[in-house]
Amino acid sequence: MDMLMRVTDAVKSLRETRLAGIRSPVEFFDYQRISRPADLNQATSRISYNTRYFSGNYSLIIAVLAVYAILTNYLLLISLAFLVFGFAAINKFAPDATQFGDHTVTQKHLYTGLFVIGIPLLWLSSPIGTFFWLVGASGVLILGHACMLEPGVESDYASINE
């Protein structure tokens, strides 16, 4: 029950902080404001404004791409699940040393076995390639959207300090 309360509190704090900045899909996908920038200065200013304005939407895009990347790389999903659940199982079920005949198995031995199997499995699943795919795909999508979408009327008033 305590775990459920912590998860609920984490979701509430996520909603209040990060998800509060998500703009509506109508505003995010406003095809009438899409145009090619005239020069590099205009593209840079659009990117600067839109990345701040749509930061919640861009974070959501990165999260969706990360989930997609993990779900489509089955070996990465299996190796991450093996390491996470193995770590949790060792912490929960083997806090003390266990005697098997003449041998004493400690948590240190179990962690060593977990990492001897888990780290090569993780290495074979190419997490570095998945990470760079995620960086490249999100970079192309986010920079492409931020560059092509004209800032709204409210951007003219964003620089005014009161």
Protein backbone atom coordinates (compact mmCIF):
# COMPACT_ATOMS: atom_id res chain seq x y z
CA MET A 1 0.00 0.00 0.00
CA ASP A 2 2.89 2.31 0.80
CA MET A 3 4.36 1.66 -2.65
CA LEU A 4 1.04 2.60 -4.28
CA MET A 5 0.99 5.89 -2.37
CA ARG A 6 4.54 6.69 -3.48
CA VAL A 7 3.68 5.96 -7.11
CA THR A 8 0.57 8.15 -6.85
CA ASP A 9 2.61 11.00 -5.34
CA ALA A 10 5.24 10.66 -8.08
CA VAL A 11 2.59 10.83 -10.80
CA LYS A 12 1.04 13.92 -9.18
CA SER A 13 4.38 15.70 -8.95
CA LEU A 14 5.13 14.78 -12.58
CA ARG A 15 1.79 16.25 -13.66
CA GLU A 16 2.37 19.44 -11.70
CA THR A 17 5.90 20.03 -12.93
CA ARG A 18 6.63 18.59 -16.37
CA LEU A 19 3.26 17.74 -17.85
CA ALA A 20 1.79 21.11 -16.92
CA GLY A 21 3.85 22.68 -19.70
CA ILE A 22 2.36 20.53 -22.47
CA ARG A 23 0.61 22.62 -25.10
CA SER A 24 -2.54 21.43 -26.82
CA PRO A 25 -2.25 19.23 -29.92
CA VAL A 26 -4.14 21.87 -31.92
CA GLU A 27 -1.45 24.41 -31.13
CA PHE A 28 1.42 21.94 -31.53
CA PHE A 29 0.23 20.63 -34.93
CA ASP A 30 -0.95 23.97 -36.34
CA TYR A 31 -0.19 23.37 -40.03
CA GLN A 32 -1.18 26.94 -40.98
CA ARG A 33 1.89 28.29 -39.15
CA ILE A 34 4.34 26.00 -40.94
CA SER A 35 6.71 27.77 -43.29
CA ARG A 36 10.29 27.58 -44.40
CA PRO A 37 12.56 30.03 -42.57
CA ALA A 38 14.05 32.74 -44.76
CA ASP A 39 17.58 32.45 -43.42
CA LEU A 40 19.68 30.90 -40.67
CA ASN A 41 19.00 33.75 -38.23
CA GLN A 42 15.25 33.26 -38.49
CA ALA A 43 15.63 29.49 -38.12
CA THR A 44 17.78 29.97 -35.03
CA SER A 45 15.31 32.35 -33.43
CA ARG A 46 12.42 29.98 -34.19
CA ILE A 47 14.30 27.06 -32.66
CA SER A 48 15.19 29.10 -29.60
CA TYR A 49 11.60 30.22 -28.99
CA ASN A 50 9.83 26.96 -29.90
CA THR A 51 12.10 24.73 -27.81
CA ARG A 52 11.25 26.80 -24.74
CA TYR A 53 7.56 27.15 -25.59
CA PHE A 54 6.95 23.49 -26.48
CA SER A 55 9.44 21.94 -24.03
CA GLY A 56 6.76 19.74 -22.44
CA ASN A 57 5.64 18.43 -25.83
CA TYR A 58 9.24 17.75 -26.86
CA SER A 59 9.87 15.87 -23.60
CA LEU A 60 6.83 13.75 -24.34
CA ILE A 61 8.16 13.02 -27.84
CA ILE A 62 11.50 11.89 -26.39
CA ALA A 63 9.71 9.66 -23.86
CA VAL A 64 7.54 8.05 -26.55
CA LEU A 65 10.56 7.45 -28.78
CA ALA A 66 12.48 5.93 -25.84
CA VAL A 67 9.61 3.54 -25.06
CA TYR A 68 9.38 2.64 -28.76
CA ALA A 69 13.13 2.00 -28.95
CA ILE A 70 13.09 -0.28 -25.91
CA LEU A 71 9.97 -2.18 -27.02
CA THR A 72 11.31 -2.83 -30.50
CA ASN A 73 14.73 -4.01 -29.27
CA TYR A 74 13.69 -7.26 -27.58
CA LEU A 75 17.17 -8.21 -26.41
CA LEU A 76 17.57 -4.82 -24.72
CA LEU A 77 14.17 -5.22 -23.07
CA ILE A 78 15.07 -8.71 -21.83
CA SER A 79 18.49 -7.67 -20.54
CA LEU A 80 17.13 -4.61 -18.73
CA ALA A 81 14.34 -6.68 -17.19
CA PHE A 82 16.86 -9.37 -16.17
CA LEU A 83 19.11 -6.85 -14.44
CA VAL A 84 16.33 -4.85 -12.76
CA PHE A 85 14.31 -7.84 -11.55
CA GLY A 86 17.47 -9.75 -10.58
CA PHE A 87 18.65 -6.81 -8.50
CA ALA A 88 15.22 -6.51 -6.85
CA ALA A 89 15.00 -10.26 -6.20
CA ILE A 90 18.43 -10.37 -4.59
CA ASN A 91 17.55 -7.44 -2.35
CA LYS A 92 14.20 -8.92 -1.35
CA PHE A 93 14.82 -12.66 -1.06
CA ALA A 94 18.53 -12.95 -0.17
CA PRO A 95 19.45 -10.27 2.36
CA ASP A 96 21.40 -12.79 4.48
CA ALA A 97 23.98 -15.40 3.55
CA THR A 98 22.64 -18.84 2.65
CA GLN A 99 24.42 -22.11 3.36
CA PHE A 100 24.45 -24.79 0.61
CA GLY A 101 26.37 -27.75 1.95
CA ASP A 102 29.94 -26.56 2.40
CA HIS A 103 29.41 -23.32 0.46
CA THR A 104 28.10 -20.03 1.80
CA VAL A 105 26.36 -17.83 -0.77
CA THR A 106 26.26 -14.14 0.11
CA GLN A 107 24.64 -11.17 -1.59
CA LYS A 108 28.02 -10.28 -3.05
CA HIS A 109 28.20 -13.68 -4.81
CA LEU A 110 24.67 -13.26 -6.17
CA TYR A 111 25.40 -9.74 -7.47
CA THR A 112 28.59 -11.00 -9.11
CA GLY A 113 26.65 -13.78 -10.85
CA LEU A 114 23.95 -11.34 -11.92
CA PHE A 115 26.45 -8.94 -13.44
CA VAL A 116 28.56 -11.69 -15.04
CA ILE A 117 25.45 -12.77 -16.95
CA GLY A 118 23.65 -9.42 -17.26
CA ILE A 119 26.41 -7.10 -18.45
CA PRO A 120 27.44 -9.20 -21.52
CA LEU A 121 23.74 -9.67 -22.32
CA LEU A 122 23.26 -5.91 -22.07
CA TRP A 123 26.34 -5.31 -24.24
CA LEU A 124 24.97 -7.62 -26.95
CA SER A 125 21.68 -5.72 -27.00
CA SER A 126 23.48 -2.55 -28.22
CA PRO A 127 22.22 0.09 -25.79
CA ILE A 128 24.70 2.62 -27.18
CA GLY A 129 23.28 2.27 -30.67
CA THR A 130 19.76 2.60 -29.29
CA PHE A 131 20.79 5.72 -27.37
CA PHE A 132 22.27 7.36 -30.45
CA TRP A 133 19.20 6.41 -32.49
CA LEU A 134 17.07 8.08 -29.83
CA VAL A 135 19.24 11.22 -29.88
CA GLY A 136 19.19 11.36 -33.68
CA ALA A 137 15.49 10.67 -34.13
CA SER A 138 14.39 13.09 -31.43
CA GLY A 139 16.85 15.72 -32.69
CA VAL A 140 15.53 15.53 -36.24
CA LEU A 141 11.90 15.64 -35.12
CA ILE A 142 12.31 18.39 -32.55
CA LEU A 143 14.64 20.63 -34.54
CA GLY A 144 12.56 20.10 -37.68
CA HIS A 145 9.35 21.05 -35.91
CA ALA A 146 10.92 23.97 -34.05
CA CYS A 147 12.53 25.31 -37.22
CA MET A 148 9.48 25.04 -39.47
CA LEU A 149 6.78 26.31 -37.07
CA GLU A 150 6.40 30.07 -36.95
CA PRO A 151 6.12 31.44 -33.43
CA GLY A 152 2.67 32.66 -32.48
CA VAL A 153 1.61 36.22 -31.77
CA GLU A 154 2.47 35.73 -28.10
CA SER A 155 6.17 35.48 -29.03
CA ASP A 156 6.23 39.21 -29.76
CA TYR A 157 5.35 39.88 -26.15
CA ALA A 158 7.67 37.26 -24.65
CA SER A 159 10.63 39.64 -24.58
CA ILE A 160 8.78 42.39 -22.70
CA ASN A 161 9.70 42.38 -19.00
CA GLU A 162 7.30 43.90 -16.52
